[in-house]
Amino acid sequence: MEREGVGITSQKYLPGTHLVRAFNTLSYTIFVREANRPDPKLAIPIAGDDGEALAIAAGLVRDAGFEPVVVGKLVDARRFQRGTPGYGQSVTAAELRQKLSLTP
């Protein structure tokens, strides 16, 4: 999994799905504590290959009280898997984009 990345590995186990990786970088206790906090919202990195599925996931992230940060395609989910700079970050969207060198 570490070599191919969590996104690609997940897709292998769920063929035919429109998979989006989200809500997998922090503990649920942080999500409970930080949901719907005042701006700036906590950033949630997301990645997926299907534009429609990515838009739905981004909406779910917003509905849960967070700010989605699209990192890229499913292969890019490796940028926020365990052991990388995008994992375990309780930061704002601007801070997460900076940590991952994403354009604003």
N, C-alpha and C. Protein backbone atom coordinates (compact mmCIF):
# COMPACT_ATOMS: atom_id res chain seq x y z
N MET A 1 0.82 -1.18 0.00
CA MET A 1 0.00 0.00 0.00
C MET A 1 0.87 1.25 0.00
N GLU A 2 1.91 1.30 0.80
CA GLU A 2 2.74 2.49 0.89
C GLU A 2 3.38 2.82 -0.46
N ARG A 3 3.75 1.81 -1.21
CA ARG A 3 4.43 2.05 -2.47
C ARG A 3 3.49 2.62 -3.53
N GLU A 4 2.32 2.02 -3.70
CA GLU A 4 1.37 2.49 -4.70
C GLU A 4 0.54 3.66 -4.21
N GLY A 5 0.41 3.77 -2.92
CA GLY A 5 -0.42 4.82 -2.34
C GLY A 5 -1.77 4.28 -1.92
N VAL A 6 -2.32 4.90 -0.91
CA VAL A 6 -3.57 4.44 -0.31
C VAL A 6 -4.75 4.55 -1.28
N GLY A 7 -4.76 5.57 -2.12
CA GLY A 7 -5.87 5.75 -3.05
C GLY A 7 -5.94 4.65 -4.09
N ILE A 8 -4.83 4.36 -4.71
CA ILE A 8 -4.77 3.32 -5.74
C ILE A 8 -5.04 1.95 -5.13
N THR A 9 -4.48 1.70 -3.95
CA THR A 9 -4.71 0.43 -3.27
C THR A 9 -6.19 0.27 -2.92
N SER A 10 -6.82 1.32 -2.42
CA SER A 10 -8.25 1.26 -2.08
C SER A 10 -9.08 0.95 -3.32
N GLN A 11 -8.74 1.57 -4.44
CA GLN A 11 -9.49 1.35 -5.68
C GLN A 11 -9.40 -0.10 -6.12
N LYS A 12 -8.27 -0.75 -5.90
CA LYS A 12 -8.12 -2.16 -6.27
C LYS A 12 -9.11 -3.04 -5.52
N TYR A 13 -9.41 -2.69 -4.25
CA TYR A 13 -10.34 -3.47 -3.45
C TYR A 13 -11.80 -3.09 -3.72
N LEU A 14 -12.01 -1.98 -4.39
CA LEU A 14 -13.36 -1.50 -4.67
C LEU A 14 -13.51 -1.18 -6.15
N PRO A 15 -13.28 -2.17 -7.03
CA PRO A 15 -13.33 -1.89 -8.46
C PRO A 15 -14.72 -1.44 -8.90
N GLY A 16 -14.73 -0.53 -9.85
CA GLY A 16 -15.99 -0.04 -10.39
C GLY A 16 -16.63 1.06 -9.58
N THR A 17 -16.03 1.44 -8.45
CA THR A 17 -16.60 2.50 -7.63
C THR A 17 -16.03 3.85 -8.06
N HIS A 18 -16.70 4.90 -7.67
CA HIS A 18 -16.23 6.26 -7.89
C HIS A 18 -15.66 6.74 -6.56
N LEU A 19 -14.48 6.27 -6.24
CA LEU A 19 -13.87 6.43 -4.93
C LEU A 19 -13.26 7.82 -4.75
N VAL A 20 -13.51 8.39 -3.59
CA VAL A 20 -12.86 9.62 -3.16
C VAL A 20 -12.30 9.38 -1.77
N ARG A 21 -11.05 9.70 -1.58
CA ARG A 21 -10.43 9.58 -0.25
C ARG A 21 -10.69 10.88 0.50
N ALA A 22 -11.25 10.77 1.70
CA ALA A 22 -11.55 11.93 2.54
C ALA A 22 -11.73 11.45 3.98
N PHE A 23 -11.61 12.35 4.92
CA PHE A 23 -11.83 12.04 6.35
C PHE A 23 -10.96 10.90 6.87
N ASN A 24 -9.76 10.76 6.34
CA ASN A 24 -8.93 9.65 6.79
C ASN A 24 -7.56 10.11 7.32
N THR A 25 -7.47 11.39 7.68
CA THR A 25 -6.16 11.88 8.14
C THR A 25 -6.11 12.24 9.61
N LEU A 26 -7.27 12.29 10.26
CA LEU A 26 -7.33 12.71 11.66
C LEU A 26 -8.22 11.76 12.47
N SER A 27 -8.07 11.81 13.75
CA SER A 27 -8.89 11.02 14.67
C SER A 27 -10.32 11.56 14.70
N TYR A 28 -11.27 10.69 14.90
CA TYR A 28 -12.66 11.12 15.01
C TYR A 28 -12.85 12.12 16.14
N THR A 29 -12.02 12.05 17.17
CA THR A 29 -12.18 13.00 18.29
C THR A 29 -11.89 14.43 17.82
N ILE A 30 -10.97 14.58 16.91
CA ILE A 30 -10.69 15.91 16.35
C ILE A 30 -11.87 16.37 15.50
N PHE A 31 -12.44 15.47 14.71
CA PHE A 31 -13.61 15.83 13.90
C PHE A 31 -14.76 16.27 14.79
N VAL A 32 -14.99 15.56 15.88
CA VAL A 32 -16.08 15.93 16.79
C VAL A 32 -15.82 17.31 17.39
N ARG A 33 -14.61 17.55 17.82
CA ARG A 33 -14.26 18.81 18.47
C ARG A 33 -14.27 19.99 17.49
N GLU A 34 -13.84 19.78 16.26
CA GLU A 34 -13.62 20.87 15.32
C GLU A 34 -14.75 21.10 14.31
N ALA A 35 -15.75 20.23 14.28
CA ALA A 35 -16.84 20.40 13.31
C ALA A 35 -17.55 21.72 13.54
N ASN A 36 -17.81 22.44 12.45
CA ASN A 36 -18.55 23.70 12.49
C ASN A 36 -17.92 24.77 13.38
N ARG A 37 -16.62 24.71 13.55
CA ARG A 37 -15.97 25.78 14.32
C ARG A 37 -16.06 27.08 13.51
N PRO A 38 -15.88 28.21 14.16
CA PRO A 38 -15.89 29.48 13.43
C PRO A 38 -14.75 29.50 12.40
N ASP A 39 -14.91 30.32 11.38
CA ASP A 39 -13.86 30.44 10.36
C ASP A 39 -12.56 30.89 11.00
N PRO A 40 -11.44 30.41 10.51
CA PRO A 40 -11.30 29.51 9.39
C PRO A 40 -11.58 28.05 9.80
N LYS A 41 -12.28 27.35 8.94
CA LYS A 41 -12.65 25.95 9.19
C LYS A 41 -11.41 25.05 9.11
N LEU A 42 -11.52 23.89 9.73
CA LEU A 42 -10.48 22.86 9.64
C LEU A 42 -10.49 22.29 8.22
N ALA A 43 -9.32 22.14 7.63
CA ALA A 43 -9.19 21.62 6.27
C ALA A 43 -9.23 20.09 6.26
N ILE A 44 -9.92 19.55 5.26
CA ILE A 44 -9.97 18.11 5.03
C ILE A 44 -9.46 17.85 3.61
N PRO A 45 -8.30 17.18 3.47
CA PRO A 45 -7.82 16.88 2.12
C PRO A 45 -8.66 15.79 1.48
N ILE A 46 -8.93 15.96 0.18
CA ILE A 46 -9.68 14.95 -0.56
C ILE A 46 -9.01 14.72 -1.92
N ALA A 47 -9.20 13.53 -2.47
CA ALA A 47 -8.64 13.20 -3.79
C ALA A 47 -9.52 12.16 -4.46
N GLY A 48 -9.68 12.29 -5.77
CA GLY A 48 -10.47 11.32 -6.52
C GLY A 48 -10.35 11.56 -8.01
N ASP A 49 -10.71 10.55 -8.79
CA ASP A 49 -10.59 10.61 -10.24
C ASP A 49 -11.87 11.08 -10.93
N ASP A 50 -13.01 10.91 -10.28
CA ASP A 50 -14.29 11.25 -10.88
C ASP A 50 -14.73 12.64 -10.38
N GLY A 51 -14.87 13.58 -11.31
CA GLY A 51 -15.21 14.94 -10.94
C GLY A 51 -16.52 15.07 -10.19
N GLU A 52 -17.52 14.30 -10.61
CA GLU A 52 -18.82 14.37 -9.93
C GLU A 52 -18.72 13.80 -8.51
N ALA A 53 -18.03 12.69 -8.36
CA ALA A 53 -17.86 12.10 -7.03
C ALA A 53 -17.05 13.03 -6.13
N LEU A 54 -16.06 13.69 -6.70
CA LEU A 54 -15.24 14.64 -5.94
C LEU A 54 -16.09 15.82 -5.48
N ALA A 55 -16.98 16.31 -6.33
CA ALA A 55 -17.87 17.41 -5.96
C ALA A 55 -18.83 17.00 -4.85
N ILE A 56 -19.33 15.78 -4.92
CA ILE A 56 -20.23 15.27 -3.87
C ILE A 56 -19.47 15.16 -2.55
N ALA A 57 -18.27 14.61 -2.60
CA ALA A 57 -17.46 14.48 -1.39
C ALA A 57 -17.13 15.85 -0.80
N ALA A 58 -16.82 16.82 -1.64
CA ALA A 58 -16.53 18.17 -1.15
C ALA A 58 -17.76 18.75 -0.46
N GLY A 59 -18.94 18.49 -1.01
CA GLY A 59 -20.17 18.95 -0.37
C GLY A 59 -20.39 18.29 0.98
N LEU A 60 -20.08 17.01 1.07
CA LEU A 60 -20.22 16.30 2.35
C LEU A 60 -19.26 16.87 3.40
N VAL A 61 -18.06 17.19 2.96
CA VAL A 61 -17.08 17.78 3.86
C VAL A 61 -17.61 19.13 4.38
N ARG A 62 -18.13 19.95 3.48
CA ARG A 62 -18.70 21.24 3.89
C ARG A 62 -19.89 21.05 4.82
N ASP A 63 -20.78 20.11 4.47
CA ASP A 63 -21.96 19.85 5.30
C ASP A 63 -21.57 19.40 6.72
N ALA A 64 -20.43 18.75 6.83
CA ALA A 64 -19.95 18.29 8.14
C ALA A 64 -19.27 19.41 8.92
N GLY A 65 -19.10 20.58 8.29
CA GLY A 65 -18.53 21.73 8.99
C GLY A 65 -17.05 21.93 8.81
N PHE A 66 -16.51 21.43 7.69
CA PHE A 66 -15.09 21.56 7.41
C PHE A 66 -14.89 22.18 6.03
N GLU A 67 -13.65 22.45 5.67
CA GLU A 67 -13.35 22.99 4.34
C GLU A 67 -12.57 21.96 3.53
N PRO A 68 -13.12 21.53 2.41
CA PRO A 68 -12.40 20.55 1.58
C PRO A 68 -11.23 21.20 0.85
N VAL A 69 -10.15 20.45 0.74
CA VAL A 69 -9.00 20.86 -0.06
C VAL A 69 -8.74 19.74 -1.06
N VAL A 70 -9.03 20.02 -2.32
CA VAL A 70 -8.82 19.01 -3.36
C VAL A 70 -7.32 18.93 -3.63
N VAL A 71 -6.77 17.76 -3.35
CA VAL A 71 -5.34 17.55 -3.52
C VAL A 71 -5.03 17.09 -4.94
N GLY A 72 -5.99 16.41 -5.58
CA GLY A 72 -5.78 15.96 -6.95
C GLY A 72 -6.51 14.67 -7.23
N LYS A 73 -5.94 13.89 -8.13
CA LYS A 73 -6.49 12.60 -8.53
C LYS A 73 -6.30 11.58 -7.40
N LEU A 74 -6.88 10.41 -7.56
CA LEU A 74 -6.79 9.37 -6.54
C LEU A 74 -5.34 9.00 -6.23
N VAL A 75 -4.51 8.99 -7.22
CA VAL A 75 -3.09 8.69 -7.00
C VAL A 75 -2.45 9.72 -6.05
N ASP A 76 -2.99 10.95 -6.05
CA ASP A 76 -2.45 12.00 -5.19
C ASP A 76 -2.85 11.85 -3.73
N ALA A 77 -3.74 10.92 -3.43
CA ALA A 77 -4.10 10.66 -2.03
C ALA A 77 -2.88 10.22 -1.23
N ARG A 78 -1.87 9.76 -1.90
CA ARG A 78 -0.63 9.38 -1.20
C ARG A 78 -0.01 10.58 -0.50
N ARG A 79 -0.35 11.80 -0.92
CA ARG A 79 0.20 13.01 -0.32
C ARG A 79 -0.37 13.29 1.06
N PHE A 80 -1.48 12.59 1.40
CA PHE A 80 -2.03 12.75 2.75
C PHE A 80 -2.27 11.41 3.44
N GLN A 81 -1.48 10.41 3.07
CA GLN A 81 -1.53 9.15 3.79
C GLN A 81 -0.54 9.20 4.94
N ARG A 82 -0.67 8.25 5.85
CA ARG A 82 0.19 8.22 7.03
C ARG A 82 1.67 8.34 6.65
N GLY A 83 2.38 9.18 7.41
CA GLY A 83 3.81 9.35 7.19
C GLY A 83 4.17 10.44 6.20
N THR A 84 3.17 11.19 5.73
CA THR A 84 3.42 12.28 4.78
C THR A 84 3.04 13.62 5.39
N PRO A 85 3.47 14.72 4.78
CA PRO A 85 3.18 16.06 5.33
C PRO A 85 1.69 16.39 5.41
N GLY A 86 0.85 15.74 4.64
CA GLY A 86 -0.58 16.03 4.67
C GLY A 86 -1.36 15.24 5.69
N TYR A 87 -0.71 14.31 6.37
CA TYR A 87 -1.40 13.44 7.33
C TYR A 87 -1.37 14.04 8.72
N GLY A 88 -2.51 13.96 9.41
CA GLY A 88 -2.57 14.37 10.82
C GLY A 88 -2.46 15.86 11.04
N GLN A 89 -2.87 16.65 10.07
CA GLN A 89 -2.74 18.09 10.16
C GLN A 89 -4.05 18.75 10.57
N SER A 90 -4.10 19.33 11.74
CA SER A 90 -5.26 20.10 12.19
C SER A 90 -5.01 21.56 11.82
N VAL A 91 -5.19 21.86 10.54
CA VAL A 91 -4.84 23.18 10.01
C VAL A 91 -5.96 23.74 9.14
N THR A 92 -5.82 24.99 8.77
CA THR A 92 -6.77 25.63 7.86
C THR A 92 -6.44 25.20 6.43
N ALA A 93 -7.34 25.53 5.52
CA ALA A 93 -7.13 25.20 4.11
C ALA A 93 -5.87 25.87 3.57
N ALA A 94 -5.68 27.14 3.91
CA ALA A 94 -4.48 27.86 3.44
C ALA A 94 -3.22 27.18 3.96
N GLU A 95 -3.23 26.78 5.21
CA GLU A 95 -2.05 26.13 5.79
C GLU A 95 -1.80 24.77 5.15
N LEU A 96 -2.87 24.01 4.89
CA LEU A 96 -2.71 22.70 4.27
C LEU A 96 -2.19 22.85 2.84
N ARG A 97 -2.73 23.80 2.11
CA ARG A 97 -2.24 24.03 0.74
C ARG A 97 -0.75 24.37 0.76
N GLN A 98 -0.32 25.15 1.74
CA GLN A 98 1.09 25.51 1.85
C GLN A 98 1.93 24.26 2.16
N LYS A 99 1.49 23.45 3.10
CA LYS A 99 2.23 22.24 3.48
C LYS A 99 2.38 21.29 2.30
N LEU A 100 1.36 21.25 1.42
CA LEU A 100 1.36 20.34 0.28
C LEU A 100 1.81 21.01 -1.02
N SER A 101 2.23 22.26 -0.93
CA SER A 101 2.67 23.03 -2.09
C SER A 101 1.60 23.05 -3.20
N LEU A 102 0.34 23.27 -2.79
CA LEU A 102 -0.77 23.38 -3.74
C LEU A 102 -1.02 24.85 -4.04
N THR A 103 -1.48 25.14 -5.23
CA THR A 103 -1.82 26.53 -5.56
C THR A 103 -3.13 26.89 -4.88
N PRO A 104 -3.26 28.14 -4.45
CA PRO A 104 -4.49 28.57 -3.74
C PRO A 104 -5.74 28.48 -4.59
